[in-house]
Amino acid sequence: MSGEQLSEFEQRGVVTGTVKAGRVFYTSRDMYRLRGILVFLSRGLSLEEAQRRIDQPPDAGNVPTNRGQ
């Protein structure tokens, strides 16, 4: 990913950079989230759809409730 692309995602509010000593740093959480968004973008989803997929909590119907019992 180029610096221009990363800057574009920052302008759109996908990631938030922190400036320290003239350099921009991103949290590992933001980078992991961006990585997931890029996967969905490569599958043809729009940025908004990809963000929704990443930010949406897991469906309660898919989570097992009685583990090991």
PDB file of N, CA and C in Angstrom:
ATOM      1  N   MET A   1       0.851  -1.159   0.000  1.00  0.00           N
ATOM      2  CA  MET A   1       0.000   0.000   0.000  1.00  0.00           C
ATOM      3  C   MET A   1       0.902   1.228   0.000  1.00  0.00           C
ATOM      4  N   SER A   2       0.574   2.159  -0.846  1.00  0.00           N
ATOM      5  CA  SER A   2       1.379   3.372  -0.948  1.00  0.00           C
ATOM      6  C   SER A   2       0.978   4.362   0.143  1.00  0.00           C
ATOM      7  N   GLY A   3       1.838   5.330   0.354  1.00  0.00           N
ATOM      8  CA  GLY A   3       1.538   6.383   1.317  1.00  0.00           C
ATOM      9  C   GLY A   3       0.331   7.202   0.903  1.00  0.00           C
ATOM     10  N   GLU A   4       0.157   7.370  -0.397  1.00  0.00           N
ATOM     11  CA  GLU A   4      -0.993   8.124  -0.899  1.00  0.00           C
ATOM     12  C   GLU A   4      -2.299   7.393  -0.583  1.00  0.00           C
ATOM     13  N   GLN A   5      -2.301   6.078  -0.768  1.00  0.00           N
ATOM     14  CA  GLN A   5      -3.497   5.299  -0.473  1.00  0.00           C
ATOM     15  C   GLN A   5      -3.807   5.354   1.019  1.00  0.00           C
ATOM     16  N   LEU A   6      -2.777   5.224   1.844  1.00  0.00           N
ATOM     17  CA  LEU A   6      -2.968   5.274   3.293  1.00  0.00           C
ATOM     18  C   LEU A   6      -3.497   6.647   3.710  1.00  0.00           C
ATOM     19  N   SER A   7      -2.963   7.689   3.098  1.00  0.00           N
ATOM     20  CA  SER A   7      -3.431   9.047   3.383  1.00  0.00           C
ATOM     21  C   SER A   7      -4.896   9.215   2.980  1.00  0.00           C
ATOM     22  N   GLU A   8      -5.280   8.612   1.858  1.00  0.00           N
ATOM     23  CA  GLU A   8      -6.671   8.675   1.411  1.00  0.00           C
ATOM     24  C   GLU A   8      -7.604   7.993   2.413  1.00  0.00           C
ATOM     25  N   PHE A   9      -7.185   6.823   2.922  1.00  0.00           N
ATOM     26  CA  PHE A   9      -7.995   6.140   3.925  1.00  0.00           C
ATOM     27  C   PHE A   9      -8.076   6.961   5.210  1.00  0.00           C
ATOM     28  N   GLU A  10      -7.001   7.668   5.541  1.00  0.00           N
ATOM     29  CA  GLU A  10      -7.022   8.516   6.729  1.00  0.00           C
ATOM     30  C   GLU A  10      -7.985   9.689   6.535  1.00  0.00           C
ATOM     31  N   GLN A  11      -8.001  10.278   5.354  1.00  0.00           N
ATOM     32  CA  GLN A  11      -8.910  11.385   5.070  1.00  0.00           C
ATOM     33  C   GLN A  11     -10.368  10.932   5.120  1.00  0.00           C
ATOM     34  N   ARG A  12     -10.624   9.687   4.740  1.00  0.00           N
ATOM     35  CA  ARG A  12     -11.984   9.147   4.771  1.00  0.00           C
ATOM     36  C   ARG A  12     -12.394   8.686   6.166  1.00  0.00           C
ATOM     37  N   GLY A  13     -11.461   8.716   7.114  1.00  0.00           N
ATOM     38  CA  GLY A  13     -11.771   8.343   8.485  1.00  0.00           C
ATOM     39  C   GLY A  13     -11.685   6.859   8.766  1.00  0.00           C
ATOM     40  N   VAL A  14     -11.061   6.083   7.859  1.00  0.00           N
ATOM     41  CA  VAL A  14     -10.941   4.637   8.062  1.00  0.00           C
ATOM     42  C   VAL A  14      -9.885   4.352   9.122  1.00  0.00           C
ATOM     43  N   VAL A  15      -8.760   5.070   9.077  1.00  0.00           N
ATOM     44  CA  VAL A  15      -7.693   4.939  10.065  1.00  0.00           C
ATOM     45  C   VAL A  15      -7.364   6.323  10.605  1.00  0.00           C
ATOM     46  N   THR A  16      -6.752   6.357  11.788  1.00  0.00           N
ATOM     47  CA  THR A  16      -6.367   7.621  12.400  1.00  0.00           C
ATOM     48  C   THR A  16      -4.884   7.566  12.739  1.00  0.00           C
ATOM     49  N   GLY A  17      -4.134   8.460  12.149  1.00  0.00           N
ATOM     50  CA  GLY A  17      -2.700   8.500  12.411  1.00  0.00           C
ATOM     51  C   GLY A  17      -2.370   9.437  13.556  1.00  0.00           C
ATOM     52  N   THR A  18      -1.275   9.126  14.247  1.00  0.00           N
ATOM     53  CA  THR A  18      -0.769   9.954  15.327  1.00  0.00           C
ATOM     54  C   THR A  18       0.613  10.437  14.916  1.00  0.00           C
ATOM     55  N   VAL A  19       0.822  11.746  14.914  1.00  0.00           N
ATOM     56  CA  VAL A  19       2.103  12.316  14.503  1.00  0.00           C
ATOM     57  C   VAL A  19       3.022  12.384  15.710  1.00  0.00           C
ATOM     58  N   LYS A  20       4.210  11.793  15.564  1.00  0.00           N
ATOM     59  CA  LYS A  20       5.240  11.834  16.604  1.00  0.00           C
ATOM     60  C   LYS A  20       6.574  12.082  15.923  1.00  0.00           C
ATOM     61  N   ALA A  21       7.238  13.143  16.308  1.00  0.00           N
ATOM     62  CA  ALA A  21       8.559  13.481  15.788  1.00  0.00           C
ATOM     63  C   ALA A  21       8.572  13.544  14.262  1.00  0.00           C
ATOM     64  N   GLY A  22       7.523  14.114  13.697  1.00  0.00           N
ATOM     65  CA  GLY A  22       7.460  14.281  12.252  1.00  0.00           C
ATOM     66  C   GLY A  22       7.071  13.043  11.469  1.00  0.00           C
ATOM     67  N   ARG A  23       6.748  11.962  12.137  1.00  0.00           N
ATOM     68  CA  ARG A  23       6.318  10.727  11.483  1.00  0.00           C
ATOM     69  C   ARG A  23       4.896  10.414  11.895  1.00  0.00           C
ATOM     70  N   VAL A  24       4.193   9.659  11.056  1.00  0.00           N
ATOM     71  CA  VAL A  24       2.809   9.282  11.353  1.00  0.00           C
ATOM     72  C   VAL A  24       2.782   7.811  11.745  1.00  0.00           C
ATOM     73  N   PHE A  25       2.153   7.522  12.879  1.00  0.00           N
ATOM     74  CA  PHE A  25       2.036   6.164  13.377  1.00  0.00           C
ATOM     75  C   PHE A  25       0.567   5.772  13.439  1.00  0.00           C
ATOM     76  N   TYR A  26       0.296   4.492  13.200  1.00  0.00           N
ATOM     77  CA  TYR A  26      -1.060   3.947  13.249  1.00  0.00           C
ATOM     78  C   TYR A  26      -1.083   2.809  14.255  1.00  0.00           C
ATOM     79  N   THR A  27      -2.213   2.654  14.940  1.00  0.00           N
ATOM     80  CA  THR A  27      -2.325   1.571  15.911  1.00  0.00           C
ATOM     81  C   THR A  27      -2.420   0.232  15.176  1.00  0.00           C
ATOM     82  N   SER A  28      -2.027  -0.812  15.846  1.00  0.00           N
ATOM     83  CA  SER A  28      -2.129  -2.144  15.245  1.00  0.00           C
ATOM     84  C   SER A  28      -3.596  -2.497  14.990  1.00  0.00           C
ATOM     85  N   ARG A  29      -4.486  -1.992  15.829  1.00  0.00           N
ATOM     86  CA  ARG A  29      -5.922  -2.240  15.631  1.00  0.00           C
ATOM     87  C   ARG A  29      -6.400  -1.603  14.330  1.00  0.00           C
ATOM     88  N   ASP A  30      -5.972  -0.365  14.065  1.00  0.00           N
ATOM     89  CA  ASP A  30      -6.343   0.300  12.817  1.00  0.00           C
ATOM     90  C   ASP A  30      -5.790  -0.445  11.606  1.00  0.00           C
ATOM     91  N   MET A  31      -4.568  -0.921  11.708  1.00  0.00           N
ATOM     92  CA  MET A  31      -3.950  -1.626  10.582  1.00  0.00           C
ATOM     93  C   MET A  31      -4.637  -2.970  10.342  1.00  0.00           C
ATOM     94  N   TYR A  32      -4.999  -3.663  11.412  1.00  0.00           N
ATOM     95  CA  TYR A  32      -5.706  -4.942  11.283  1.00  0.00           C
ATOM     96  C   TYR A  32      -7.082  -4.721  10.661  1.00  0.00           C
ATOM     97  N   ARG A  33      -7.760  -3.656  11.106  1.00  0.00           N
ATOM     98  CA  ARG A  33      -9.078  -3.301  10.570  1.00  0.00           C
ATOM     99  C   ARG A  33      -8.961  -2.943   9.095  1.00  0.00           C
ATOM    100  N   LEU A  34      -7.937  -2.153   8.737  1.00  0.00           N
ATOM    101  CA  LEU A  34      -7.726  -1.764   7.344  1.00  0.00           C
ATOM    102  C   LEU A  34      -7.430  -2.977   6.480  1.00  0.00           C
ATOM    103  N   ARG A  35      -6.680  -3.910   7.018  1.00  0.00           N
ATOM    104  CA  ARG A  35      -6.377  -5.136   6.273  1.00  0.00           C
ATOM    105  C   ARG A  35      -7.660  -5.906   5.935  1.00  0.00           C
ATOM    106  N   GLY A  36      -8.569  -6.008   6.897  1.00  0.00           N
ATOM    107  CA  GLY A  36      -9.848  -6.666   6.659  1.00  0.00           C
ATOM    108  C   GLY A  36     -10.683  -5.924   5.631  1.00  0.00           C
ATOM    109  N   ILE A  37     -10.679  -4.602   5.710  1.00  0.00           N
ATOM    110  CA  ILE A  37     -11.422  -3.794   4.742  1.00  0.00           C
ATOM    111  C   ILE A  37     -10.865  -4.008   3.342  1.00  0.00           C
ATOM    112  N   LEU A  38      -9.550  -4.060   3.208  1.00  0.00           N
ATOM    113  CA  LEU A  38      -8.929  -4.271   1.896  1.00  0.00           C
ATOM    114  C   LEU A  38      -9.306  -5.627   1.312  1.00  0.00           C
ATOM    115  N   VAL A  39      -9.444  -6.639   2.166  1.00  0.00           N
ATOM    116  CA  VAL A  39      -9.878  -7.957   1.690  1.00  0.00           C
ATOM    117  C   VAL A  39     -11.272  -7.861   1.089  1.00  0.00           C
ATOM    118  N   PHE A  40     -12.183  -7.192   1.791  1.00  0.00           N
ATOM    119  CA  PHE A  40     -13.543  -7.051   1.280  1.00  0.00           C
ATOM    120  C   PHE A  40     -13.592  -6.180   0.027  1.00  0.00           C
ATOM    121  N   LEU A  41     -12.742  -5.151  -0.039  1.00  0.00           N
ATOM    122  CA  LEU A  41     -12.690  -4.315  -1.242  1.00  0.00           C
ATOM    123  C   LEU A  41     -12.222  -5.137  -2.442  1.00  0.00           C
ATOM    124  N   SER A  42     -11.277  -6.042  -2.221  1.00  0.00           N
ATOM    125  CA  SER A  42     -10.775  -6.878  -3.315  1.00  0.00           C
ATOM    126  C   SER A  42     -11.835  -7.866  -3.788  1.00  0.00           C
ATOM    127  N   ARG A  43     -12.840  -8.110  -2.957  1.00  0.00           N
ATOM    128  CA  ARG A  43     -13.947  -9.006  -3.331  1.00  0.00           C
ATOM    129  C   ARG A  43     -15.111  -8.265  -3.965  1.00  0.00           C
ATOM    130  N   GLY A  44     -14.927  -6.948  -4.194  1.00  0.00           N
ATOM    131  CA  GLY A  44     -15.932  -6.187  -4.914  1.00  0.00           C
ATOM    132  C   GLY A  44     -16.897  -5.383  -4.069  1.00  0.00           C
ATOM    133  N   LEU A  45     -16.742  -5.369  -2.754  1.00  0.00           N
ATOM    134  CA  LEU A  45     -17.624  -4.575  -1.916  1.00  0.00           C
ATOM    135  C   LEU A  45     -17.194  -3.115  -1.958  1.00  0.00           C
ATOM    136  N   SER A  46     -18.132  -2.215  -1.705  1.00  0.00           N
ATOM    137  CA  SER A  46     -17.789  -0.797  -1.607  1.00  0.00           C
ATOM    138  C   SER A  46     -17.115  -0.559  -0.251  1.00  0.00           C
ATOM    139  N   LEU A  47     -16.500   0.599  -0.101  1.00  0.00           N
ATOM    140  CA  LEU A  47     -15.841   0.927   1.163  1.00  0.00           C
ATOM    141  C   LEU A  47     -16.836   0.919   2.315  1.00  0.00           C
ATOM    142  N   GLU A  48     -18.014   1.468   2.093  1.00  0.00           N
ATOM    143  CA  GLU A  48     -19.029   1.513   3.154  1.00  0.00           C
ATOM    144  C   GLU A  48     -19.475   0.110   3.555  1.00  0.00           C
ATOM    145  N   GLU A  49     -19.681  -0.764   2.551  1.00  0.00           N
ATOM    146  CA  GLU A  49     -20.082  -2.142   2.851  1.00  0.00           C
ATOM    147  C   GLU A  49     -18.974  -2.884   3.591  1.00  0.00           C
ATOM    148  N   ALA A  50     -17.741  -2.663   3.182  1.00  0.00           N
ATOM    149  CA  ALA A  50     -16.605  -3.326   3.831  1.00  0.00           C
ATOM    150  C   ALA A  50     -16.472  -2.862   5.277  1.00  0.00           C
ATOM    151  N   GLN A  51     -16.612  -1.557   5.510  1.00  0.00           N
ATOM    152  CA  GLN A  51     -16.539  -1.043   6.878  1.00  0.00           C
ATOM    153  C   GLN A  51     -17.662  -1.613   7.735  1.00  0.00           C
ATOM    154  N   ARG A  52     -18.845  -1.710   7.165  1.00  0.00           N
ATOM    155  CA  ARG A  52     -19.980  -2.267   7.902  1.00  0.00           C
ATOM    156  C   ARG A  52     -19.698  -3.710   8.294  1.00  0.00           C
ATOM    157  N   ARG A  53     -19.132  -4.477   7.369  1.00  0.00           N
ATOM    158  CA  ARG A  53     -18.812  -5.887   7.644  1.00  0.00           C
ATOM    159  C   ARG A  53     -17.774  -6.014   8.754  1.00  0.00           C
ATOM    160  N   ILE A  54     -16.771  -5.147   8.742  1.00  0.00           N
ATOM    161  CA  ILE A  54     -15.700  -5.212   9.740  1.00  0.00           C
ATOM    162  C   ILE A  54     -16.192  -4.738  11.102  1.00  0.00           C
ATOM    163  N   ASP A  55     -16.977  -3.658  11.117  1.00  0.00           N
ATOM    164  CA  ASP A  55     -17.398  -3.047  12.383  1.00  0.00           C
ATOM    165  C   ASP A  55     -18.604  -3.719  13.016  1.00  0.00           C
ATOM    166  N   GLN A  56     -19.333  -4.523  12.242  1.00  0.00           N
ATOM    167  CA  GLN A  56     -20.536  -5.176  12.743  1.00  0.00           C
ATOM    168  C   GLN A  56     -20.156  -6.292  13.715  1.00  0.00           C
ATOM    169  N   PRO A  57     -20.786  -6.326  14.896  1.00  0.00           N
ATOM    170  CA  PRO A  57     -20.494  -7.419  15.834  1.00  0.00           C
ATOM    171  C   PRO A  57     -20.991  -8.745  15.265  1.00  0.00           C
ATOM    172  N   PRO A  58     -20.413  -9.850  15.714  1.00  0.00           N
ATOM    173  CA  PRO A  58     -20.850 -11.158  15.208  1.00  0.00           C
ATOM    174  C   PRO A  58     -22.324 -11.399  15.500  1.00  0.00           C
ATOM    175  N   ASP A  59     -22.952 -12.128  14.600  1.00  0.00           N
ATOM    176  CA  ASP A  59     -24.363 -12.461  14.750  1.00  0.00           C
ATOM    177  C   ASP A  59     -24.535 -13.382  15.955  1.00  0.00           C
ATOM    178  N   ALA A  60     -25.479 -13.065  16.804  1.00  0.00           N
ATOM    179  CA  ALA A  60     -25.705 -13.855  18.020  1.00  0.00           C
ATOM    180  C   ALA A  60     -26.099 -15.289  17.694  1.00  0.00           C
ATOM    181  N   GLY A  61     -26.699 -15.544  16.542  1.00  0.00           N
ATOM    182  CA  GLY A  61     -27.101 -16.888  16.163  1.00  0.00           C
ATOM    183  C   GLY A  61     -25.923 -17.782  15.806  1.00  0.00           C
ATOM    184  N   ASN A  62     -24.768 -17.210  15.516  1.00  0.00           N
ATOM    185  CA  ASN A  62     -23.608 -18.003  15.136  1.00  0.00           C
ATOM    186  C   ASN A  62     -22.691 -18.339  16.296  1.00  0.00           C
ATOM    187  N   VAL A  63     -22.951 -17.767  17.463  1.00  0.00           N
ATOM    188  CA  VAL A  63     -22.078 -17.976  18.615  1.00  0.00           C
ATOM    189  C   VAL A  63     -22.641 -19.105  19.459  1.00  0.00           C
ATOM    190  N   PRO A  64     -21.823 -20.160  19.701  1.00  0.00           N
ATOM    191  CA  PRO A  64     -22.304 -21.260  20.549  1.00  0.00           C
ATOM    192  C   PRO A  64     -22.491 -20.782  21.991  1.00  0.00           C
ATOM    193  N   THR A  65     -23.540 -21.265  22.634  1.00  0.00           N
ATOM    194  CA  THR A  65     -23.838 -20.807  23.997  1.00  0.00           C
ATOM    195  C   THR A  65     -23.467 -21.833  25.061  1.00  0.00           C
ATOM    196  N   ASN A  66     -23.309 -23.103  24.694  1.00  0.00           N
ATOM    197  CA  ASN A  66     -23.019 -24.132  25.702  1.00  0.00           C
ATOM    198  C   ASN A  66     -21.735 -24.866  25.349  1.00  0.00           C
ATOM    199  N   ARG A  67     -20.637 -24.207  25.495  1.00  0.00           N
ATOM    200  CA  ARG A  67     -19.340 -24.824  25.157  1.00  0.00           C
ATOM    201  C   ARG A  67     -18.966 -25.880  26.191  1.00  0.00           C
ATOM    202  N   GLY A  68     -18.544 -27.019  25.698  1.00  0.00           N
ATOM    203  CA  GLY A  68     -18.015 -28.063  26.558  1.00  0.00           C
ATOM    204  C   GLY A  68     -19.020 -28.706  27.512  1.00  0.00           C
ATOM    205  N   GLN A  69     -20.284 -28.537  27.275  1.00  0.00           N
ATOM    206  CA  GLN A  69     -21.264 -29.115  28.199  1.00  0.00           C
ATOM    207  C   GLN A  69     -22.013 -30.218  27.518  1.00  0.00           C
TER     208      GLN A  69
END
